[in-house]
Amino acid sequence: MTSLRAMEGRYDEIFLTELYRIFFNRKPDPAGFEDNLSQIRAGLPLHKVVEAFLKSDEFSHRGAIPTPELPDLRALYPDRYERDCYLAVTDDRITQMEQLITTGGYYDHFGIWSSAIDNDKVTIAKLVLALGAKSCLEVGCFNGPVLSVLHEHGLEVTGIDLSHLAFVMAFPNIRDRLLYGDLLSVPLNRKYDCILLLDVLEHLNPLQLGHHICRLRELLAPRGIIILNSPMFGIDDIFGTVFEQSLQEWRDIGDHDFYRHWPCDAKGWPMHGHMVWASPKWWTAQFGNYHIVRLREIEQTVQERLSGYFSWAPARRSMFFLNHQNAAVDTAAITRAIGRCE
């Protein structure tokens, strides 16, 4: 079985070779290949490399994949903003913002996510392997770096994503295992030992979150486990405070509901496309409504044993491990395996 660490360097070369094929329909020229490879190994994010391919003269002459220009929502709806926040004060405004994000091609723009098999993705893959899972569904997988690692280790993997760029950039070993769409639209007829959601659920319409949790429950095997990471605001009894409740409206609502003042960018789009801004207790309660509960012993072990990982990836600290209420999970075995993940 291939070492997780050894895979990182090999996939830099595979990934770059695929970019030449997809964007230029040719094999890499040696000089260009070595120049790009050296930049990647020096730390240049892969999405920056892809962005350079998209903007290259060679690609433009072939007919580029269009990246739509996002409109200025502040100019279109000036009464819906207060300082740096979109005021999602009515359900109609939330629904309209969801439609704008979906139809405006928001997720065909490059974001802050990493598309590489880096230490972050290797660590997440190790956590999935520590569960003893034989199958994994990743919702919002982008181009599939975690799934690529898991596939190499013998897991049956499936990925779902709404970005067309995800399929352009997909790792070749899992490209045919990626499905376009969202959790509610993609027809899946099996259950999974692990369902992975990394920075995904915060992009949903909060009014529809219950439908997605219900679907997750349907797809989760009887002893399966959900690994969820999402920005959460306020204190949690396991991982503490990752992000403060920095707005007065957030502090006023506390744990009782999601927040309706959404930080946004210069054009009025919610930051990173996030539509769910809420506390850890609120998130916990949403899953509890569907009899999906947190595995707090496992979460505590993860926080203790992966402290080095969280020191450079602090936003990952708000991580839930969830399963069906009263499911028979071998918590002791999983915590021992997690102890070997760092």
Protein backbone atom coordinates (compact mmCIF):
# COMPACT_ATOMS: atom_id res chain seq x y z
CA MET A 1 0.00 0.00 0.00
CA THR A 2 1.38 3.40 -0.97
CA SER A 3 2.57 5.64 1.86
CA LEU A 4 0.31 8.66 2.41
CA ARG A 5 3.32 10.97 2.54
CA ALA A 6 4.90 9.53 -0.59
CA MET A 7 1.72 10.21 -2.56
CA GLU A 8 1.98 13.99 -2.23
CA GLY A 9 4.99 14.44 -4.53
CA ARG A 10 3.78 11.90 -7.08
CA TYR A 11 0.42 13.61 -7.43
CA ASP A 12 2.05 16.97 -8.11
CA GLU A 13 3.41 15.47 -11.32
CA ILE A 14 0.21 13.60 -12.20
CA PHE A 15 -1.94 16.63 -11.55
CA LEU A 16 0.26 18.92 -13.63
CA THR A 17 0.35 16.45 -16.50
CA GLU A 18 -3.46 16.34 -16.43
CA LEU A 19 -3.64 20.13 -16.62
CA TYR A 20 -1.66 20.13 -19.85
CA ARG A 21 -3.96 17.49 -21.28
CA ILE A 22 -7.20 19.18 -20.21
CA PHE A 23 -6.31 22.79 -21.01
CA PHE A 24 -3.89 22.40 -23.93
CA ASN A 25 -4.74 18.92 -25.25
CA ARG A 26 -1.07 17.94 -25.37
CA LYS A 27 1.76 16.47 -23.39
CA PRO A 28 3.76 18.90 -21.24
CA ASP A 29 6.77 20.59 -22.75
CA PRO A 30 9.77 19.78 -20.49
CA ALA A 31 10.73 23.38 -19.71
CA GLY A 32 7.21 24.52 -18.85
CA PHE A 33 6.50 21.37 -16.88
CA GLU A 34 9.64 21.74 -14.73
CA ASP A 35 8.96 25.43 -14.14
CA ASN A 36 5.39 24.78 -12.99
CA LEU A 37 6.43 21.79 -10.91
CA SER A 38 9.12 23.77 -9.11
CA GLN A 39 6.58 26.49 -8.29
CA ILE A 40 4.14 23.94 -6.88
CA ARG A 41 6.85 22.34 -4.75
CA ALA A 42 7.87 25.80 -3.55
CA GLY A 43 4.35 26.23 -2.16
CA LEU A 44 2.33 27.83 -4.97
CA PRO A 45 -1.32 26.69 -4.49
CA LEU A 46 -2.59 24.50 -7.27
CA HIS A 47 -5.58 26.74 -7.93
CA LYS A 48 -3.08 29.51 -8.78
CA VAL A 49 -1.41 27.21 -11.28
CA VAL A 50 -4.79 26.40 -12.84
CA GLU A 51 -5.67 30.09 -12.91
CA ALA A 52 -2.49 30.74 -14.90
CA PHE A 53 -3.47 27.99 -17.35
CA LEU A 54 -6.92 29.54 -17.72
CA LYS A 55 -5.42 32.95 -18.51
CA SER A 56 -2.74 31.68 -20.87
CA ASP A 57 -2.71 32.66 -24.55
CA GLU A 58 -2.57 29.01 -25.58
CA PHE A 59 -5.75 28.18 -23.72
CA SER A 60 -7.59 31.30 -24.88
CA HIS A 61 -6.93 30.31 -28.50
CA ARG A 62 -8.56 26.93 -27.84
CA GLY A 63 -11.72 28.51 -26.44
CA ALA A 64 -11.60 29.11 -22.73
CA ILE A 65 -13.99 27.83 -20.12
CA PRO A 66 -15.93 31.01 -19.31
CA THR A 67 -15.71 32.32 -15.78
CA PRO A 68 -18.71 34.63 -15.34
CA GLU A 69 -18.28 38.11 -13.94
CA LEU A 70 -20.15 38.38 -10.65
CA PRO A 71 -22.51 41.38 -10.46
CA ASP A 72 -22.26 44.02 -7.77
CA LEU A 73 -25.10 43.10 -5.42
CA ARG A 74 -24.55 46.17 -3.26
CA ALA A 75 -25.37 48.35 -6.25
CA LEU A 76 -28.41 46.25 -7.18
CA TYR A 77 -29.85 45.99 -3.64
CA PRO A 78 -28.40 48.88 -1.59
CA ASP A 79 -31.10 48.67 1.10
CA ARG A 80 -30.08 45.10 1.98
CA TYR A 81 -26.67 46.00 3.37
CA GLU A 82 -25.45 47.50 6.59
CA ARG A 83 -21.73 48.26 6.69
CA ASP A 84 -20.00 44.97 5.77
CA CYS A 85 -23.05 42.72 6.19
CA TYR A 86 -25.86 41.41 4.04
CA LEU A 87 -29.10 41.69 6.02
CA ALA A 88 -30.82 38.32 5.58
CA VAL A 89 -33.65 39.53 7.78
CA THR A 90 -36.43 37.80 5.82
CA ASP A 91 -36.69 34.28 4.47
CA ASP A 92 -37.27 35.71 0.98
CA ARG A 93 -33.91 37.45 1.07
CA ILE A 94 -32.19 34.20 2.05
CA THR A 95 -33.88 32.32 -0.79
CA GLN A 96 -33.01 35.01 -3.31
CA MET A 97 -29.36 35.01 -2.26
CA GLU A 98 -29.29 31.23 -2.68
CA GLN A 99 -30.64 31.66 -6.21
CA LEU A 100 -28.07 34.33 -7.03
CA ILE A 101 -25.22 32.12 -5.84
CA THR A 102 -26.53 29.11 -7.75
CA THR A 103 -27.36 30.81 -11.05
CA GLY A 104 -24.56 33.37 -11.00
CA GLY A 105 -21.76 30.82 -11.32
CA TYR A 106 -20.34 31.72 -7.92
CA TYR A 107 -18.78 28.28 -7.43
CA ASP A 108 -17.04 28.39 -10.80
CA HIS A 109 -14.71 31.01 -9.36
CA PHE A 110 -11.55 30.09 -7.53
CA GLY A 111 -11.89 30.27 -3.79
CA ILE A 112 -9.64 29.86 -0.77
CA TRP A 113 -9.93 26.06 -0.76
CA SER A 114 -6.89 23.94 -1.52
CA SER A 115 -6.97 21.54 -4.44
CA ALA A 116 -3.71 19.77 -3.55
CA ILE A 117 -2.97 16.60 -1.62
CA ASP A 118 -1.32 18.50 1.20
CA ASN A 119 -0.89 17.83 4.91
CA ASP A 120 -4.47 18.93 5.57
CA LYS A 121 -5.94 16.45 3.11
CA VAL A 122 -3.63 13.64 4.23
CA THR A 123 -4.65 14.19 7.87
CA ILE A 124 -8.36 14.08 6.98
CA ALA A 125 -7.78 10.89 5.01
CA LYS A 126 -6.04 9.37 8.04
CA LEU A 127 -9.07 10.18 10.20
CA VAL A 128 -11.38 8.42 7.73
CA LEU A 129 -9.07 5.40 7.69
CA ALA A 130 -8.99 5.39 11.50
CA LEU A 131 -12.76 4.80 11.48
CA GLY A 132 -12.21 1.49 9.71
CA ALA A 133 -14.45 2.69 6.86
CA LYS A 134 -14.67 0.70 3.65
CA SER A 135 -16.65 3.35 1.77
CA CYS A 136 -16.72 7.14 1.84
CA LEU A 137 -18.98 9.80 0.38
CA GLU A 138 -17.56 13.31 0.29
CA VAL A 139 -20.06 16.11 -0.22
CA GLY A 140 -18.43 19.21 -1.68
CA CYS A 141 -15.29 17.30 -2.63
CA PHE A 142 -14.04 19.87 -5.19
CA ASN A 143 -11.41 18.05 -7.30
CA GLY A 144 -11.15 15.15 -4.85
CA PRO A 145 -7.75 15.23 -3.09
CA VAL A 146 -9.01 13.37 -0.01
CA LEU A 147 -10.95 10.87 -2.11
CA SER A 148 -7.87 10.31 -4.26
CA VAL A 149 -5.87 9.28 -1.19
CA LEU A 150 -8.67 7.07 0.12
CA HIS A 151 -9.12 5.40 -3.26
CA GLU A 152 -5.43 4.51 -3.26
CA HIS A 153 -6.02 2.81 0.10
CA GLY A 154 -8.80 0.63 -1.22
CA LEU A 155 -11.93 2.52 -0.18
CA GLU A 156 -14.99 2.78 -2.39
CA VAL A 157 -15.34 6.53 -2.87
CA THR A 158 -17.97 8.88 -4.27
CA GLY A 159 -17.76 12.65 -4.53
CA ILE A 160 -20.39 15.34 -5.11
CA ASP A 161 -19.67 18.92 -6.15
CA LEU A 162 -21.42 21.88 -7.76
CA SER A 163 -18.34 23.47 -9.33
CA HIS A 164 -17.59 22.80 -13.00
CA LEU A 165 -13.96 23.57 -12.25
CA ALA A 166 -13.92 20.62 -9.88
CA PHE A 167 -14.31 18.29 -12.85
CA VAL A 168 -11.73 20.12 -14.93
CA MET A 169 -9.23 19.78 -12.09
CA ALA A 170 -10.26 16.36 -10.78
CA PHE A 171 -7.58 13.84 -9.87
CA PRO A 172 -7.50 11.24 -12.64
CA ASN A 173 -7.87 8.20 -10.38
CA ILE A 174 -11.25 9.39 -9.05
CA ARG A 175 -12.62 11.54 -11.90
CA ASP A 176 -15.21 8.93 -12.85
CA ARG A 177 -16.35 8.76 -9.22
CA LEU A 178 -17.39 12.42 -9.04
CA LEU A 179 -21.01 13.45 -9.53
CA TYR A 180 -22.24 16.93 -10.38
CA GLY A 181 -24.95 18.32 -8.12
CA ASP A 182 -25.82 18.58 -4.47
CA LEU A 183 -26.86 16.15 -1.77
CA LEU A 184 -30.55 16.42 -2.62
CA SER A 185 -30.28 16.25 -6.41
CA VAL A 186 -27.77 13.44 -6.94
CA PRO A 187 -29.38 9.96 -6.96
CA LEU A 188 -27.47 7.73 -4.54
CA ASN A 189 -28.83 4.29 -3.74
CA ARG A 190 -26.41 2.96 -1.15
CA LYS A 191 -25.19 3.70 2.36
CA TYR A 192 -21.68 4.80 3.33
CA ASP A 193 -19.44 3.97 6.28
CA CYS A 194 -18.17 7.55 6.34
CA ILE A 195 -19.67 10.76 5.01
CA LEU A 196 -17.25 13.66 4.82
CA LEU A 197 -18.30 17.32 4.74
CA LEU A 198 -15.42 19.80 4.93
CA ASP A 199 -16.55 23.43 4.86
CA VAL A 200 -19.74 22.49 3.03
CA LEU A 201 -22.90 22.85 5.08
CA GLU A 202 -22.32 26.55 5.76
CA HIS A 203 -22.92 27.11 2.01
CA LEU A 204 -26.50 25.85 2.22
CA ASN A 205 -29.71 27.79 2.61
CA PRO A 206 -30.25 27.58 6.39
CA LEU A 207 -33.98 27.24 5.79
CA GLN A 208 -33.30 23.97 3.93
CA LEU A 209 -30.61 22.55 6.22
CA GLY A 210 -32.99 20.02 7.78
CA HIS A 211 -33.63 18.39 4.39
CA HIS A 212 -29.90 17.90 3.90
CA ILE A 213 -29.43 16.43 7.38
CA CYS A 214 -32.33 14.06 6.75
CA ARG A 215 -30.65 12.95 3.51
CA LEU A 216 -27.34 12.43 5.31
CA ARG A 217 -29.14 10.20 7.81
CA GLU A 218 -30.57 8.12 4.95
CA LEU A 219 -27.13 7.67 3.34
CA LEU A 220 -25.23 6.87 6.55
CA ALA A 221 -24.67 3.18 7.28
CA PRO A 222 -26.07 1.90 10.61
CA ARG A 223 -22.62 2.12 12.23
CA GLY A 224 -21.36 4.85 9.93
CA ILE A 225 -19.82 8.14 11.03
CA ILE A 226 -20.12 11.66 9.63
CA ILE A 227 -17.04 13.89 9.82
CA LEU A 228 -18.15 17.50 9.65
CA ASN A 229 -16.07 20.68 9.69
CA SER A 230 -17.76 24.05 9.44
CA PRO A 231 -17.14 27.59 10.76
CA MET A 232 -18.96 27.97 14.08
CA PHE A 233 -19.17 31.03 16.27
CA GLY A 234 -19.02 30.92 20.05
CA ILE A 235 -17.92 28.38 22.65
CA ASP A 236 -18.11 24.60 22.44
CA ASP A 237 -17.44 22.21 25.32
CA ILE A 238 -15.06 20.09 23.20
CA PHE A 239 -13.09 22.40 20.89
CA GLY A 240 -13.58 25.71 22.70
CA THR A 241 -13.97 28.91 20.68
CA VAL A 242 -12.68 28.90 17.13
CA PHE A 243 -14.47 32.05 15.95
CA GLU A 244 -15.93 34.73 18.21
CA GLN A 245 -19.51 35.96 18.05
CA SER A 246 -18.13 39.26 16.83
CA LEU A 247 -21.38 41.00 15.83
CA GLN A 248 -23.95 42.28 18.29
CA GLU A 249 -26.75 40.55 16.39
CA TRP A 250 -24.90 37.25 16.79
CA ARG A 251 -24.43 37.76 20.52
CA ASP A 252 -28.10 38.67 20.91
CA ILE A 253 -29.23 35.47 19.18
CA GLY A 254 -26.56 33.31 20.83
CA ASP A 255 -27.38 29.61 20.45
CA HIS A 256 -31.10 29.97 19.71
CA ASP A 257 -31.04 30.38 15.94
CA PHE A 258 -28.81 31.00 12.94
CA TYR A 259 -27.62 34.56 12.37
CA ARG A 260 -29.15 36.87 9.78
CA HIS A 261 -26.33 39.40 9.50
CA TRP A 262 -23.88 37.85 7.04
CA PRO A 263 -20.39 39.32 6.49
CA CYS A 264 -19.93 39.97 2.78
CA ASP A 265 -17.30 41.01 0.24
CA ALA A 266 -16.97 44.30 -1.62
CA LYS A 267 -19.64 43.30 -4.15
CA GLY A 268 -22.08 42.16 -1.48
CA TRP A 269 -21.65 38.40 -1.86
CA PRO A 270 -21.60 36.49 1.46
CA MET A 271 -18.00 35.80 2.42
CA HIS A 272 -16.85 32.58 0.71
CA GLY A 273 -20.50 31.91 -0.20
CA HIS A 274 -21.44 31.13 3.42
CA MET A 275 -25.13 31.27 4.22
CA VAL A 276 -25.15 29.53 7.61
CA TRP A 277 -23.61 31.53 10.43
CA ALA A 278 -24.37 29.99 13.82
CA SER A 279 -22.99 28.62 17.10
CA PRO A 280 -21.74 25.07 17.84
CA LYS A 281 -24.73 24.45 20.11
CA TRP A 282 -27.11 25.43 17.32
CA TRP A 283 -25.36 23.08 14.87
CA THR A 284 -25.49 20.26 17.44
CA ALA A 285 -29.21 20.78 17.93
CA GLN A 286 -29.93 20.67 14.17
CA PHE A 287 -28.46 17.18 13.91
CA GLY A 288 -30.09 16.13 17.16
CA ASN A 289 -33.48 16.96 15.66
CA TYR A 290 -32.87 14.04 13.26
CA HIS A 291 -31.39 11.68 15.87
CA ILE A 292 -27.82 12.25 14.68
CA VAL A 293 -25.57 12.81 17.68
CA ARG A 294 -21.99 13.78 18.36
CA LEU A 295 -19.39 11.18 19.38
CA ARG A 296 -17.80 13.36 22.03
CA GLU A 297 -15.22 10.84 23.20
CA ILE A 298 -13.85 10.57 19.67
CA GLU A 299 -13.96 14.35 19.25
CA GLN A 300 -12.03 14.83 22.49
CA THR A 301 -9.35 12.40 21.34
CA VAL A 302 -9.07 14.20 18.00
CA GLN A 303 -8.59 17.56 19.72
CA GLU A 304 -5.94 16.17 22.06
CA ARG A 305 -3.95 14.02 19.64
CA LEU A 306 -4.05 16.33 16.63
CA SER A 307 -3.10 19.51 18.47
CA GLY A 308 -0.13 20.03 16.15
CA TYR A 309 -2.39 19.82 13.11
CA PHE A 310 -4.87 22.27 14.58
CA SER A 311 -2.08 24.71 15.48
CA TRP A 312 -1.55 25.45 11.76
CA ALA A 313 -5.12 24.66 10.63
CA PRO A 314 -7.11 26.27 13.49
CA ALA A 315 -10.35 26.51 11.50
CA ARG A 316 -10.44 22.69 11.37
CA ARG A 317 -10.89 22.57 15.16
CA SER A 318 -14.67 22.99 14.81
CA MET A 319 -14.98 19.36 13.78
CA PHE A 320 -17.88 17.06 14.65
CA PHE A 321 -17.92 13.26 14.55
CA LEU A 322 -21.56 12.18 14.33
CA ASN A 323 -23.54 8.96 14.06
CA HIS A 324 -27.01 7.53 14.46
CA GLN A 325 -28.32 7.86 17.98
CA ASN A 326 -27.72 4.62 19.94
CA ALA A 327 -25.62 3.11 17.13
CA ALA A 328 -23.14 0.44 18.22
CA VAL A 329 -19.79 2.06 17.41
CA ASP A 330 -16.48 0.70 18.72
CA THR A 331 -15.39 4.02 20.16
CA ALA A 332 -12.39 2.58 21.96
CA ALA A 333 -10.93 1.07 18.79
CA ILE A 334 -11.46 4.29 16.86
CA THR A 335 -9.85 6.46 19.53
CA ARG A 336 -6.81 4.15 19.57
CA ALA A 337 -6.53 4.42 15.80
CA ILE A 338 -6.88 8.20 15.91
CA GLY A 339 -4.03 8.30 18.38
CA ARG A 340 -1.77 7.14 15.57
CA CYS A 341 -2.97 9.79 13.08
CA GLU A 342 -0.69 12.71 13.90
